[in-house]
PDB file of N, CA and C in Angstrom:
ATOM      1  N   MET A   1     133.030 117.590 136.908  1.00  0.00           N
ATOM      2  CA  MET A   1     132.708 118.260 135.672  1.00  0.00           C
ATOM      3  C   MET A   1     131.917 117.349 134.743  1.00  0.00           C
ATOM      4  N   ASN A   2     132.273 116.099 134.738  1.00  0.00           N
ATOM      5  CA  ASN A   2     131.569 115.138 133.906  1.00  0.00           C
ATOM      6  C   ASN A   2     130.112 115.028 134.344  1.00  0.00           C
ATOM      7  N   HIS A   3     129.910 115.094 135.660  1.00  0.00           N
ATOM      8  CA  HIS A   3     128.559 115.033 136.197  1.00  0.00           C
ATOM      9  C   HIS A   3     127.725 116.232 135.725  1.00  0.00           C
ATOM     10  N   HIS A   4     128.326 117.382 135.642  1.00  0.00           N
ATOM     11  CA  HIS A   4     127.653 118.604 135.197  1.00  0.00           C
ATOM     12  C   HIS A   4     127.152 118.478 133.751  1.00  0.00           C
ATOM     13  N   LYS A   5     127.946 117.889 132.886  1.00  0.00           N
ATOM     14  CA  LYS A   5     127.547 117.714 131.484  1.00  0.00           C
ATOM     15  C   LYS A   5     126.335 116.796 131.375  1.00  0.00           C
ATOM     16  N   ARG A   6     126.339 115.752 132.162  1.00  0.00           N
ATOM     17  CA  ARG A   6     125.225 114.825 132.111  1.00  0.00           C
ATOM     18  C   ARG A   6     123.937 115.515 132.555  1.00  0.00           C
ATOM     19  N   ARG A   7     124.015 116.315 133.604  1.00  0.00           N
ATOM     20  CA  ARG A   7     122.842 117.016 134.095  1.00  0.00           C
ATOM     21  C   ARG A   7     122.320 117.982 133.034  1.00  0.00           C
ATOM     22  N   ARG A   8     123.193 118.646 132.365  1.00  0.00           N
ATOM     23  CA  ARG A   8     122.800 119.607 131.337  1.00  0.00           C
ATOM     24  C   ARG A   8     122.021 118.895 130.220  1.00  0.00           C
ATOM     25  N   SER A   9     122.487 117.722 129.796  1.00  0.00           N
ATOM     26  CA  SER A   9     121.798 117.016 128.722  1.00  0.00           C
ATOM     27  C   SER A   9     120.421 116.548 129.172  1.00  0.00           C
ATOM     28  N   VAL A  10     120.304 116.174 130.433  1.00  0.00           N
ATOM     29  CA  VAL A  10     119.006 115.767 130.949  1.00  0.00           C
ATOM     30  C   VAL A  10     118.057 116.953 130.957  1.00  0.00           C
ATOM     31  N   SER A  11     118.541 118.108 131.388  1.00  0.00           N
ATOM     32  CA  SER A  11     117.667 119.274 131.442  1.00  0.00           C
ATOM     33  C   SER A  11     117.253 119.709 130.035  1.00  0.00           C
ATOM     34  N   ARG A  12     118.126 119.524 129.047  1.00  0.00           N
ATOM     35  CA  ARG A  12     117.754 119.868 127.668  1.00  0.00           C
ATOM     36  C   ARG A  12     116.631 118.972 127.172  1.00  0.00           C
ATOM     37  N   SER A  13     116.762 117.672 127.451  1.00  0.00           N
ATOM     38  CA  SER A  13     115.725 116.765 126.969  1.00  0.00           C
ATOM     39  C   SER A  13     114.403 117.031 127.686  1.00  0.00           C
ATOM     40  N   ALA A  14     114.473 117.404 128.958  1.00  0.00           N
ATOM     41  CA  ALA A  14     113.252 117.712 129.690  1.00  0.00           C
ATOM     42  C   ALA A  14     112.591 118.958 129.115  1.00  0.00           C
ATOM     43  N   SER A  15     113.408 119.977 128.815  1.00  0.00           N
ATOM     44  CA  SER A  15     112.819 121.192 128.253  1.00  0.00           C
ATOM     45  C   SER A  15     112.321 120.936 126.836  1.00  0.00           C
ATOM     46  N   HIS A  16     112.999 120.042 126.119  1.00  0.00           N
ATOM     47  CA  HIS A  16     112.581 119.706 124.748  1.00  0.00           C
ATOM     48  C   HIS A  16     111.207 119.033 124.771  1.00  0.00           C
ATOM     49  N   ARG A  17     110.982 118.160 125.748  1.00  0.00           N
ATOM     50  CA  ARG A  17     109.696 117.476 125.853  1.00  0.00           C
ATOM     51  C   ARG A  17     108.562 118.468 126.103  1.00  0.00           C
ATOM     52  N   GLU A  18     108.839 119.475 126.888  1.00  0.00           N
ATOM     53  CA  GLU A  18     107.801 120.447 127.213  1.00  0.00           C
ATOM     54  C   GLU A  18     107.408 121.282 126.003  1.00  0.00           C
ATOM     55  N   THR A  19     108.376 121.589 125.137  1.00  0.00           N
ATOM     56  CA  THR A  19     108.083 122.438 123.988  1.00  0.00           C
ATOM     57  C   THR A  19     107.681 121.641 122.752  1.00  0.00           C
ATOM     58  N   ALA A  20     107.763 120.310 122.818  1.00  0.00           N
ATOM     59  CA  ALA A  20     107.407 119.496 121.649  1.00  0.00           C
ATOM     60  C   ALA A  20     105.914 119.637 121.370  1.00  0.00           C
ATOM     61  N   ARG A  21     105.597 119.721 120.087  1.00  0.00           N
ATOM     62  CA  ARG A  21     104.197 119.860 119.697  1.00  0.00           C
ATOM     63  C   ARG A  21     103.469 118.528 119.783  1.00  0.00           C
ATOM     64  N   ALA A  22     102.199 118.611 120.038  1.00  0.00           N
ATOM     65  CA  ALA A  22     101.372 117.410 119.991  1.00  0.00           C
ATOM     66  C   ALA A  22     101.206 117.010 118.526  1.00  0.00           C
ATOM     67  N   PRO A  23     101.145 115.722 118.236  1.00  0.00           N
ATOM     68  CA  PRO A  23     100.987 115.313 116.836  1.00  0.00           C
ATOM     69  C   PRO A  23      99.672 115.841 116.263  1.00  0.00           C
ATOM     70  N   GLN A  24      99.733 116.275 115.013  1.00  0.00           N
ATOM     71  CA  GLN A  24      98.532 116.824 114.393  1.00  0.00           C
ATOM     72  C   GLN A  24      97.539 115.711 114.103  1.00  0.00           C
ATOM     73  N   ARG A  25      96.276 116.018 114.285  1.00  0.00           N
ATOM     74  CA  ARG A  25      95.234 115.042 113.993  1.00  0.00           C
ATOM     75  C   ARG A  25      94.981 115.014 112.499  1.00  0.00           C
ATOM     76  N   ARG A  26      94.798 113.823 111.977  1.00  0.00           N
ATOM     77  CA  ARG A  26      94.501 113.689 110.555  1.00  0.00           C
ATOM     78  C   ARG A  26      93.027 113.981 110.323  1.00  0.00           C
ATOM     79  N   ARG A  27      92.716 114.409 109.127  1.00  0.00           N
ATOM     80  CA  ARG A  27      91.319 114.656 108.805  1.00  0.00           C
ATOM     81  C   ARG A  27      90.580 113.330 108.767  1.00  0.00           C
ATOM     82  N   ARG A  28      89.287 113.369 108.891  1.00  0.00           N
ATOM     83  CA  ARG A  28      88.496 112.166 109.103  1.00  0.00           C
ATOM     84  C   ARG A  28      88.597 111.126 107.996  1.00  0.00           C
ATOM     85  N   TYR A  29      88.399 111.530 106.760  1.00  0.00           N
ATOM     86  CA  TYR A  29      88.274 110.559 105.681  1.00  0.00           C
ATOM     87  C   TYR A  29      89.473 110.571 104.737  1.00  0.00           C
ATOM     88  N   THR A  30      90.614 111.050 105.193  1.00  0.00           N
ATOM     89  CA  THR A  30      91.783 111.181 104.332  1.00  0.00           C
ATOM     90  C   THR A  30      92.179 109.838 103.729  1.00  0.00           C
ATOM     91  N   LYS A  31      92.237 108.808 104.547  1.00  0.00           N
ATOM     92  CA  LYS A  31      92.648 107.487 104.059  1.00  0.00           C
ATOM     93  C   LYS A  31      91.633 106.945 103.059  1.00  0.00           C
ATOM     94  N   ALA A  32      90.364 107.114 103.337  1.00  0.00           N
ATOM     95  CA  ALA A  32      89.329 106.620 102.430  1.00  0.00           C
ATOM     96  C   ALA A  32      89.399 107.339 101.089  1.00  0.00           C
ATOM     97  N   PHE A  33      89.586 108.660 101.119  1.00  0.00           N
ATOM     98  CA  PHE A  33      89.666 109.413  99.862  1.00  0.00           C
ATOM     99  C   PHE A  33      90.908 109.024  99.066  1.00  0.00           C
ATOM    100  N   ALA A  34      92.009 108.782  99.751  1.00  0.00           N
ATOM    101  CA  ALA A  34      93.233 108.354  99.062  1.00  0.00           C
ATOM    102  C   ALA A  34      93.021 106.996  98.400  1.00  0.00           C
ATOM    103  N   GLU A  35      92.319 106.117  99.093  1.00  0.00           N
ATOM    104  CA  GLU A  35      92.030 104.791  98.529  1.00  0.00           C
ATOM    105  C   GLU A  35      91.110 104.903  97.316  1.00  0.00           C
ATOM    106  N   ILE A  36      90.121 105.770  97.384  1.00  0.00           N
ATOM    107  CA  ILE A  36      89.212 105.978  96.257  1.00  0.00           C
ATOM    108  C   ILE A  36      89.979 106.505  95.056  1.00  0.00           C
ATOM    109  N   ARG A  37      90.834 107.508  95.282  1.00  0.00           N
ATOM    110  CA  ARG A  37      91.634 108.057  94.175  1.00  0.00           C
ATOM    111  C   ARG A  37      92.539 106.995  93.565  1.00  0.00           C
ATOM    112  N   HIS A  38      93.124 106.155  94.404  1.00  0.00           N
ATOM    113  CA  HIS A  38      94.008 105.093  93.906  1.00  0.00           C
ATOM    114  C   HIS A  38      93.244 104.144  92.982  1.00  0.00           C
ATOM    115  N   TYR A  39      92.075 103.687  93.419  1.00  0.00           N
ATOM    116  CA  TYR A  39      91.317 102.739  92.610  1.00  0.00           C
ATOM    117  C   TYR A  39      90.716 103.385  91.368  1.00  0.00           C
ATOM    118  N   GLN A  40      90.454 104.688  91.414  1.00  0.00           N
ATOM    119  CA  GLN A  40      89.961 105.372  90.221  1.00  0.00           C
ATOM    120  C   GLN A  40      91.049 105.484  89.160  1.00  0.00           C
ATOM    121  N   LYS A  41      92.301 105.574  89.581  1.00  0.00           N
ATOM    122  CA  LYS A  41      93.410 105.698  88.631  1.00  0.00           C
ATOM    123  C   LYS A  41      93.769 104.362  87.984  1.00  0.00           C
ATOM    124  N   THR A  42      93.559 103.260  88.692  1.00  0.00           N
ATOM    125  CA  THR A  42      93.977 101.963  88.175  1.00  0.00           C
ATOM    126  C   THR A  42      92.900 101.370  87.280  1.00  0.00           C
ATOM    127  N   ALA A  43      93.335 100.522  86.368  1.00  0.00           N
ATOM    128  CA  ALA A  43      92.402  99.858  85.454  1.00  0.00           C
ATOM    129  C   ALA A  43      92.261  98.381  85.793  1.00  0.00           C
ATOM    130  N   GLU A  44      92.839  97.969  86.907  1.00  0.00           N
ATOM    131  CA  GLU A  44      92.787  96.551  87.270  1.00  0.00           C
ATOM    132  C   GLU A  44      91.407  96.176  87.796  1.00  0.00           C
ATOM    133  N   LEU A  45      91.096  94.889  87.714  1.00  0.00           N
ATOM    134  CA  LEU A  45      89.827  94.404  88.239  1.00  0.00           C
ATOM    135  C   LEU A  45      89.910  94.338  89.763  1.00  0.00           C
ATOM    136  N   LEU A  46      88.801  94.633  90.413  1.00  0.00           N
ATOM    137  CA  LEU A  46      88.798  94.700  91.873  1.00  0.00           C
ATOM    138  C   LEU A  46      88.345  93.396  92.522  1.00  0.00           C
ATOM    139  N   LEU A  47      87.460  92.665  91.851  1.00  0.00           N
ATOM    140  CA  LEU A  47      87.008  91.389  92.392  1.00  0.00           C
ATOM    141  C   LEU A  47      88.082  90.334  92.138  1.00  0.00           C
ATOM    142  N   PRO A  48      88.382  89.508  93.126  1.00  0.00           N
ATOM    143  CA  PRO A  48      89.360  88.443  92.901  1.00  0.00           C
ATOM    144  C   PRO A  48      88.861  87.484  91.814  1.00  0.00           C
ATOM    145  N   ARG A  49      89.754  87.103  90.922  1.00  0.00           N
ATOM    146  CA  ARG A  49      89.382  86.321  89.740  1.00  0.00           C
ATOM    147  C   ARG A  49      88.825  84.941  90.091  1.00  0.00           C
ATOM    148  N   ARG A  50      89.487  84.207  90.950  1.00  0.00           N
ATOM    149  CA  ARG A  50      89.058  82.824  91.236  1.00  0.00           C
ATOM    150  C   ARG A  50      87.702  82.738  91.931  1.00  0.00           C
ATOM    151  N   PRO A  51      87.449  83.506  92.978  1.00  0.00           N
ATOM    152  CA  PRO A  51      86.111  83.436  93.578  1.00  0.00           C
ATOM    153  C   PRO A  51      85.012  83.841  92.594  1.00  0.00           C
ATOM    154  N   PHE A  52      85.293  84.851  91.755  1.00  0.00           N
ATOM    155  CA  PHE A  52      84.302  85.262  90.758  1.00  0.00           C
ATOM    156  C   PHE A  52      84.042  84.118  89.781  1.00  0.00           C
ATOM    157  N   ALA A  53      85.107  83.471  89.307  1.00  0.00           N
ATOM    158  CA  ALA A  53      84.965  82.350  88.373  1.00  0.00           C
ATOM    159  C   ALA A  53      84.175  81.216  89.015  1.00  0.00           C
ATOM    160  N   ARG A  54      84.421  80.952  90.294  1.00  0.00           N
ATOM    161  CA  ARG A  54      83.699  79.883  90.985  1.00  0.00           C
ATOM    162  C   ARG A  54      82.208  80.170  91.046  1.00  0.00           C
ATOM    163  N   VAL A  55      81.848  81.409  91.357  1.00  0.00           N
ATOM    164  CA  VAL A  55      80.429  81.777  91.436  1.00  0.00           C
ATOM    165  C   VAL A  55      79.766  81.655  90.065  1.00  0.00           C
ATOM    166  N   VAL A  56      80.450  82.129  89.024  1.00  0.00           N
ATOM    167  CA  VAL A  56      79.892  82.052  87.669  1.00  0.00           C
ATOM    168  C   VAL A  56      79.689  80.598  87.269  1.00  0.00           C
ATOM    169  N   LYS A  57      80.671  79.755  87.535  1.00  0.00           N
ATOM    170  CA  LYS A  57      80.562  78.336  87.165  1.00  0.00           C
ATOM    171  C   LYS A  57      79.461  77.641  87.952  1.00  0.00           C
ATOM    172  N   GLU A  58      79.315  77.991  89.229  1.00  0.00           N
ATOM    173  CA  GLU A  58      78.229  77.416  90.031  1.00  0.00           C
ATOM    174  C   GLU A  58      76.873  77.800  89.453  1.00  0.00           C
ATOM    175  N   GLU A  59      76.723  79.061  89.066  1.00  0.00           N
ATOM    176  CA  GLU A  59      75.455  79.508  88.484  1.00  0.00           C
ATOM    177  C   GLU A  59      75.198  78.833  87.136  1.00  0.00           C
ATOM    178  N   LEU A  60      76.237  78.643  86.334  1.00  0.00           N
ATOM    179  CA  LEU A  60      76.078  77.939  85.059  1.00  0.00           C
ATOM    180  C   LEU A  60      75.607  76.508  85.285  1.00  0.00           C
ATOM    181  N   GLN A  61      76.153  75.850  86.294  1.00  0.00           N
ATOM    182  CA  GLN A  61      75.779  74.465  86.580  1.00  0.00           C
ATOM    183  C   GLN A  61      74.341  74.359  87.079  1.00  0.00           C
ATOM    184  N   ARG A  62      73.841  75.401  87.712  1.00  0.00           N
ATOM    185  CA  ARG A  62      72.442  75.388  88.166  1.00  0.00           C
ATOM    186  C   ARG A  62      71.485  75.325  86.990  1.00  0.00           C
ATOM    187  N   TYR A  63      71.852  75.963  85.874  1.00  0.00           N
ATOM    188  CA  TYR A  63      70.965  76.014  84.714  1.00  0.00           C
ATOM    189  C   TYR A  63      71.165  74.837  83.772  1.00  0.00           C
ATOM    190  N   CYS A  64      72.401  74.425  83.577  1.00  0.00           N
ATOM    191  CA  CYS A  64      72.663  73.330  82.656  1.00  0.00           C
ATOM    192  C   CYS A  64      73.983  72.667  83.047  1.00  0.00           C
ATOM    193  N   ALA A  65      73.904  71.424  83.475  1.00  0.00           N
ATOM    194  CA  ALA A  65      75.106  70.708  83.917  1.00  0.00           C
ATOM    195  C   ALA A  65      76.046  70.477  82.735  1.00  0.00           C
ATOM    196  N   GLY A  66      77.326  70.546  83.000  1.00  0.00           N
ATOM    197  CA  GLY A  66      78.319  70.259  81.980  1.00  0.00           C
ATOM    198  C   GLY A  66      78.727  71.447  81.129  1.00  0.00           C
ATOM    199  N   LEU A  67      78.176  72.624  81.386  1.00  0.00           N
ATOM    200  CA  LEU A  67      78.575  73.804  80.611  1.00  0.00           C
ATOM    201  C   LEU A  67      79.961  74.260  81.037  1.00  0.00           C
ATOM    202  N   ARG A  68      80.714  74.738  80.079  1.00  0.00           N
ATOM    203  CA  ARG A  68      82.042  75.283  80.354  1.00  0.00           C
ATOM    204  C   ARG A  68      82.088  76.703  79.821  1.00  0.00           C
ATOM    205  N   ILE A  69      83.068  77.465  80.298  1.00  0.00           N
ATOM    206  CA  ILE A  69      83.167  78.860  79.877  1.00  0.00           C
ATOM    207  C   ILE A  69      84.627  79.184  79.557  1.00  0.00           C
ATOM    208  N   GLN A  70      84.843  79.918  78.493  1.00  0.00           N
ATOM    209  CA  GLN A  70      86.197  80.305  78.114  1.00  0.00           C
ATOM    210  C   GLN A  70      86.706  81.402  79.050  1.00  0.00           C
ATOM    211  N   ALA A  71      88.018  81.468  79.175  1.00  0.00           N
ATOM    212  CA  ALA A  71      88.638  82.463  80.055  1.00  0.00           C
ATOM    213  C   ALA A  71      88.322  83.882  79.590  1.00  0.00           C
ATOM    214  N   LEU A  72      88.293  84.087  78.279  1.00  0.00           N
ATOM    215  CA  LEU A  72      88.000  85.418  77.748  1.00  0.00           C
ATOM    216  C   LEU A  72      86.555  85.830  78.057  1.00  0.00           C
ATOM    217  N   ALA A  73      85.630  84.866  77.965  1.00  0.00           N
ATOM    218  CA  ALA A  73      84.227  85.151  78.294  1.00  0.00           C
ATOM    219  C   ALA A  73      84.081  85.460  79.781  1.00  0.00           C
ATOM    220  N   LEU A  74      84.824  84.732  80.600  1.00  0.00           N
ATOM    221  CA  LEU A  74      84.792  84.968  82.045  1.00  0.00           C
ATOM    222  C   LEU A  74      85.322  86.359  82.379  1.00  0.00           C
ATOM    223  N   GLU A  75      86.392  86.758  81.695  1.00  0.00           N
ATOM    224  CA  GLU A  75      86.958  88.091  81.908  1.00  0.00           C
ATOM    225  C   GLU A  75      85.972  89.180  81.482  1.00  0.00           C
ATOM    226  N   ALA A  76      85.283  88.961  80.359  1.00  0.00           N
ATOM    227  CA  ALA A  76      84.287  89.937  79.896  1.00  0.00           C
ATOM    228  C   ALA A  76      83.142  90.050  80.894  1.00  0.00           C
ATOM    229  N   LEU A  77      82.704  88.911  81.429  1.00  0.00           N
ATOM    230  CA  LEU A  77      81.644  88.928  82.447  1.00  0.00           C
ATOM    231  C   LEU A  77      82.091  89.683  83.695  1.00  0.00           C
ATOM    232  N   GLN A  78      83.333  89.470  84.092  1.00  0.00           N
ATOM    233  CA  GLN A  78      83.835  90.146  85.293  1.00  0.00           C
ATOM    234  C   GLN A  78      83.922  91.648  85.069  1.00  0.00           C
ATOM    235  N   GLU A  79      84.392  92.067  83.916  1.00  0.00           N
ATOM    236  CA  GLU A  79      84.465  93.510  83.627  1.00  0.00           C
ATOM    237  C   GLU A  79      83.078  94.132  83.619  1.00  0.00           C
ATOM    238  N   ALA A  80      82.116  93.455  82.987  1.00  0.00           N
ATOM    239  CA  ALA A  80      80.750  93.980  82.935  1.00  0.00           C
ATOM    240  C   ALA A  80      80.135  94.035  84.333  1.00  0.00           C
ATOM    241  N   THR A  81      80.402  93.013  85.136  1.00  0.00           N
ATOM    242  CA  THR A  81      79.872  92.973  86.501  1.00  0.00           C
ATOM    243  C   THR A  81      80.426  94.121  87.338  1.00  0.00           C
ATOM    244  N   GLU A  82      81.732  94.333  87.248  1.00  0.00           N
ATOM    245  CA  GLU A  82      82.337  95.420  88.017  1.00  0.00           C
ATOM    246  C   GLU A  82      81.845  96.779  87.543  1.00  0.00           C
ATOM    247  N   ALA A  83      81.680  96.942  86.241  1.00  0.00           N
ATOM    248  CA  ALA A  83      81.161  98.213  85.715  1.00  0.00           C
ATOM    249  C   ALA A  83      79.747  98.460  86.236  1.00  0.00           C
ATOM    250  N   PHE A  84      78.933  97.395  86.286  1.00  0.00           N
ATOM    251  CA  PHE A  84      77.568  97.524  86.801  1.00  0.00           C
ATOM    252  C   PHE A  84      77.589  97.920  88.275  1.00  0.00           C
ATOM    253  N   PHE A  85      78.409  97.231  89.078  1.00  0.00           N
ATOM    254  CA  PHE A  85      78.479  97.535  90.508  1.00  0.00           C
ATOM    255  C   PHE A  85      78.943  98.964  90.757  1.00  0.00           C
ATOM    256  N   ILE A  86      79.963  99.392  90.036  1.00  0.00           N
ATOM    257  CA  ILE A  86      80.484 100.746  90.221  1.00  0.00           C
ATOM    258  C   ILE A  86      79.427 101.776  89.853  1.00  0.00           C
ATOM    259  N   SER A  87      78.745 101.547  88.747  1.00  0.00           N
ATOM    260  CA  SER A  87      77.692 102.463  88.318  1.00  0.00           C
ATOM    261  C   SER A  87      76.558 102.506  89.345  1.00  0.00           C
ATOM    262  N   MET A  88      76.182 101.336  89.857  1.00  0.00           N
ATOM    263  CA  MET A  88      75.113 101.267  90.858  1.00  0.00           C
ATOM    264  C   MET A  88      75.530 101.990  92.140  1.00  0.00           C
ATOM    265  N   LEU A  89      76.771 101.819  92.563  1.00  0.00           N
ATOM    266  CA  LEU A  89      77.230 102.494  93.775  1.00  0.00           C
ATOM    267  C   LEU A  89      77.331 104.005  93.574  1.00  0.00           C
ATOM    268  N   GLU A  90      77.713 104.434  92.374  1.00  0.00           N
ATOM    269  CA  GLU A  90      77.746 105.877  92.094  1.00  0.00           C
ATOM    270  C   GLU A  90      76.342 106.465  92.177  1.00  0.00           C
ATOM    271  N   ASP A  91      75.357 105.785  91.572  1.00  0.00           N
ATOM    272  CA  ASP A  91      73.974 106.269  91.631  1.00  0.00           C
ATOM    273  C   ASP A  91      73.442 106.244  93.062  1.00  0.00           C
ATOM    274  N   SER A  92      73.778 105.194  93.799  1.00  0.00           N
ATOM    275  CA  SER A  92      73.348 105.101  95.199  1.00  0.00           C
ATOM    276  C   SER A  92      73.973 106.212  96.033  1.00  0.00           C
ATOM    277  N   ASN A  93      75.220 106.548  95.735  1.00  0.00           N
ATOM    278  CA  ASN A  93      75.883 107.639  96.448  1.00  0.00           C
ATOM    279  C   ASN A  93      75.183 108.965  96.167  1.00  0.00           C
ATOM    280  N   LEU A  94      74.767 109.173  94.928  1.00  0.00           N
ATOM    281  CA  LEU A  94      74.017 110.395  94.609  1.00  0.00           C
ATOM    282  C   LEU A  94      72.702 110.448  95.385  1.00  0.00           C
ATOM    283  N   CYS A  95      72.039 109.294  95.522  1.00  0.00           N
ATOM    284  CA  CYS A  95      70.799 109.250  96.308  1.00  0.00           C
ATOM    285  C   CYS A  95      71.081 109.574  97.777  1.00  0.00           C
ATOM    286  N   ALA A  96      72.188 109.056  98.302  1.00  0.00           N
ATOM    287  CA  ALA A  96      72.546 109.333  99.698  1.00  0.00           C
ATOM    288  C   ALA A  96      72.861 110.813  99.884  1.00  0.00           C
ATOM    289  N   ILE A  97      73.599 111.394  98.954  1.00  0.00           N
ATOM    290  CA  ILE A  97      73.935 112.819  99.040  1.00  0.00           C
ATOM    291  C   ILE A  97      72.667 113.663  98.970  1.00  0.00           C
ATOM    292  N   HIS A  98      71.736 113.270  98.100  1.00  0.00           N
ATOM    293  CA  HIS A  98      70.476 114.005  97.979  1.00  0.00           C
ATOM    294  C   HIS A  98      69.702 113.985  99.300  1.00  0.00           C
ATOM    295  N   ALA A  99      69.807 112.867 100.030  1.00  0.00           N
ATOM    296  CA  ALA A  99      69.130 112.745 101.324  1.00  0.00           C
ATOM    297  C   ALA A  99      69.964 113.343 102.459  1.00  0.00           C
ATOM    298  N   LYS A 100      71.042 114.076 102.094  1.00  0.00           N
ATOM    299  CA  LYS A 100      71.942 114.711 103.059  1.00  0.00           C
ATOM    300  C   LYS A 100      72.587 113.686 103.990  1.00  0.00           C
ATOM    301  N   GLN A 101      72.992 112.549 103.404  1.00  0.00           N
ATOM    302  CA  GLN A 101      73.685 111.500 104.142  1.00  0.00           C
ATOM    303  C   GLN A 101      75.081 111.342 103.572  1.00  0.00           C
ATOM    304  N   VAL A 102      75.946 110.755 104.360  1.00  0.00           N
ATOM    305  CA  VAL A 102      77.303 110.472 103.905  1.00  0.00           C
ATOM    306  C   VAL A 102      77.432 108.996 103.540  1.00  0.00           C
ATOM    307  N   THR A 103      76.728 108.149 104.268  1.00  0.00           N
ATOM    308  CA  THR A 103      76.835 106.707 104.101  1.00  0.00           C
ATOM    309  C   THR A 103      75.711 106.180 103.217  1.00  0.00           C
ATOM    310  N   ILE A 104      76.068 105.292 102.289  1.00  0.00           N
ATOM    311  CA  ILE A 104      75.056 104.634 101.451  1.00  0.00           C
ATOM    312  C   ILE A 104      74.313 103.623 102.309  1.00  0.00           C
ATOM    313  N   GLN A 105      73.000 103.662 102.233  1.00  0.00           N
ATOM    314  CA  GLN A 105      72.158 102.729 102.970  1.00  0.00           C
ATOM    315  C   GLN A 105      71.356 101.902 101.977  1.00  0.00           C
ATOM    316  N   PRO A 106      70.788 100.770 102.419  1.00  0.00           N
ATOM    317  CA  PRO A 106      69.998  99.936 101.504  1.00  0.00           C
ATOM    318  C   PRO A 106      68.881 100.704 100.797  1.00  0.00           C
ATOM    319  N   LYS A 107      68.294 101.682 101.479  1.00  0.00           N
ATOM    320  CA  LYS A 107      67.223 102.455 100.845  1.00  0.00           C
ATOM    321  C   LYS A 107      67.752 103.262  99.663  1.00  0.00           C
ATOM    322  N   ASP A 108      69.014 103.691  99.716  1.00  0.00           N
ATOM    323  CA  ASP A 108      69.615 104.421  98.596  1.00  0.00           C
ATOM    324  C   ASP A 108      69.805 103.506  97.393  1.00  0.00           C
ATOM    325  N   ILE A 109      70.215 102.280  97.650  1.00  0.00           N
ATOM    326  CA  ILE A 109      70.391 101.313  96.561  1.00  0.00           C
ATOM    327  C   ILE A 109      69.039 100.971  95.948  1.00  0.00           C
ATOM    328  N   ARG A 110      68.022 100.783  96.794  1.00  0.00           N
ATOM    329  CA  ARG A 110      66.677 100.491  96.265  1.00  0.00           C
ATOM    330  C   ARG A 110      66.162 101.640  95.414  1.00  0.00           C
ATOM    331  N   LEU A 111      66.380 102.879  95.869  1.00  0.00           N
ATOM    332  CA  LEU A 111      65.936 104.045  95.108  1.00  0.00           C
ATOM    333  C   LEU A 111      66.672 104.137  93.777  1.00  0.00           C
ATOM    334  N   ALA A 112      67.972 103.904  93.783  1.00  0.00           N
ATOM    335  CA  ALA A 112      68.755 103.950  92.540  1.00  0.00           C
ATOM    336  C   ALA A 112      68.269 102.882  91.564  1.00  0.00           C
ATOM    337  N   ARG A 113      67.984 101.685  92.066  1.00  0.00           N
ATOM    338  CA  ARG A 113      67.473 100.616  91.186  1.00  0.00           C
ATOM    339  C   ARG A 113      66.105 100.984  90.632  1.00  0.00           C
ATOM    340  N   ARG A 114      65.273 101.586  91.464  1.00  0.00           N
ATOM    341  CA  ARG A 114      63.930 101.958  91.001  1.00  0.00           C
ATOM    342  C   ARG A 114      64.002 103.043  89.932  1.00  0.00           C
ATOM    343  N   ILE A 115      64.856 104.034  90.127  1.00  0.00           N
ATOM    344  CA  ILE A 115      65.015 105.102  89.140  1.00  0.00           C
ATOM    345  C   ILE A 115      65.555 104.541  87.834  1.00  0.00           C
ATOM    346  N   ARG A 116      66.503 103.610  87.922  1.00  0.00           N
ATOM    347  CA  ARG A 116      67.086 102.998  86.723  1.00  0.00           C
ATOM    348  C   ARG A 116      66.099 102.100  85.987  1.00  0.00           C
ATOM    349  N   GLY A 117      65.108 101.588  86.712  1.00  0.00           N
ATOM    350  CA  GLY A 117      64.169 100.661  86.090  1.00  0.00           C
ATOM    351  C   GLY A 117      64.619  99.218  86.191  1.00  0.00           C
ATOM    352  N   ASP A 118      65.606  98.934  87.066  1.00  0.00           N
ATOM    353  CA  ASP A 118      66.051  97.551  87.262  1.00  0.00           C
ATOM    354  C   ASP A 118      64.949  96.769  87.953  1.00  0.00           C
ATOM    355  N   CYS A 119      64.822  95.497  87.586  1.00  0.00           N
ATOM    356  CA  CYS A 119      63.800  94.670  88.225  1.00  0.00           C
ATOM    357  C   CYS A 119      64.240  94.323  89.639  1.00  0.00           C
ATOM    358  N   SER A 120      63.289  94.174  90.534  1.00  0.00           N
ATOM    359  CA  SER A 120      63.611  93.911  91.944  1.00  0.00           C
ATOM    360  C   SER A 120      63.670  92.449  92.233  1.00  0.00           C
TER     361      SER A 120
END
């Protein structure tokens, strides 16, 4: 009798496997859209602070050795830089959409800069 119970449980699991649904496929860009929404909601800076500070200080030293920069000025520069990049990418995305593309390409960035009047 004990053997009969074991067989029954095996047959249940076998029949369960046959009727189990295949996992649903996720939509293509779900993760990317979720990430975009997350970053649009947050007010934090996206560029890491230390590498940005290093680049700014290196550029300052190229023009005049011995220059220093206050932390508040560095933060203002980083905010302005990120705002510029985001705005440029938004305009480039509009250029890509106009060309019936999904991916931003260098030609879209060049077109956005030309329309804006930015120097090349």
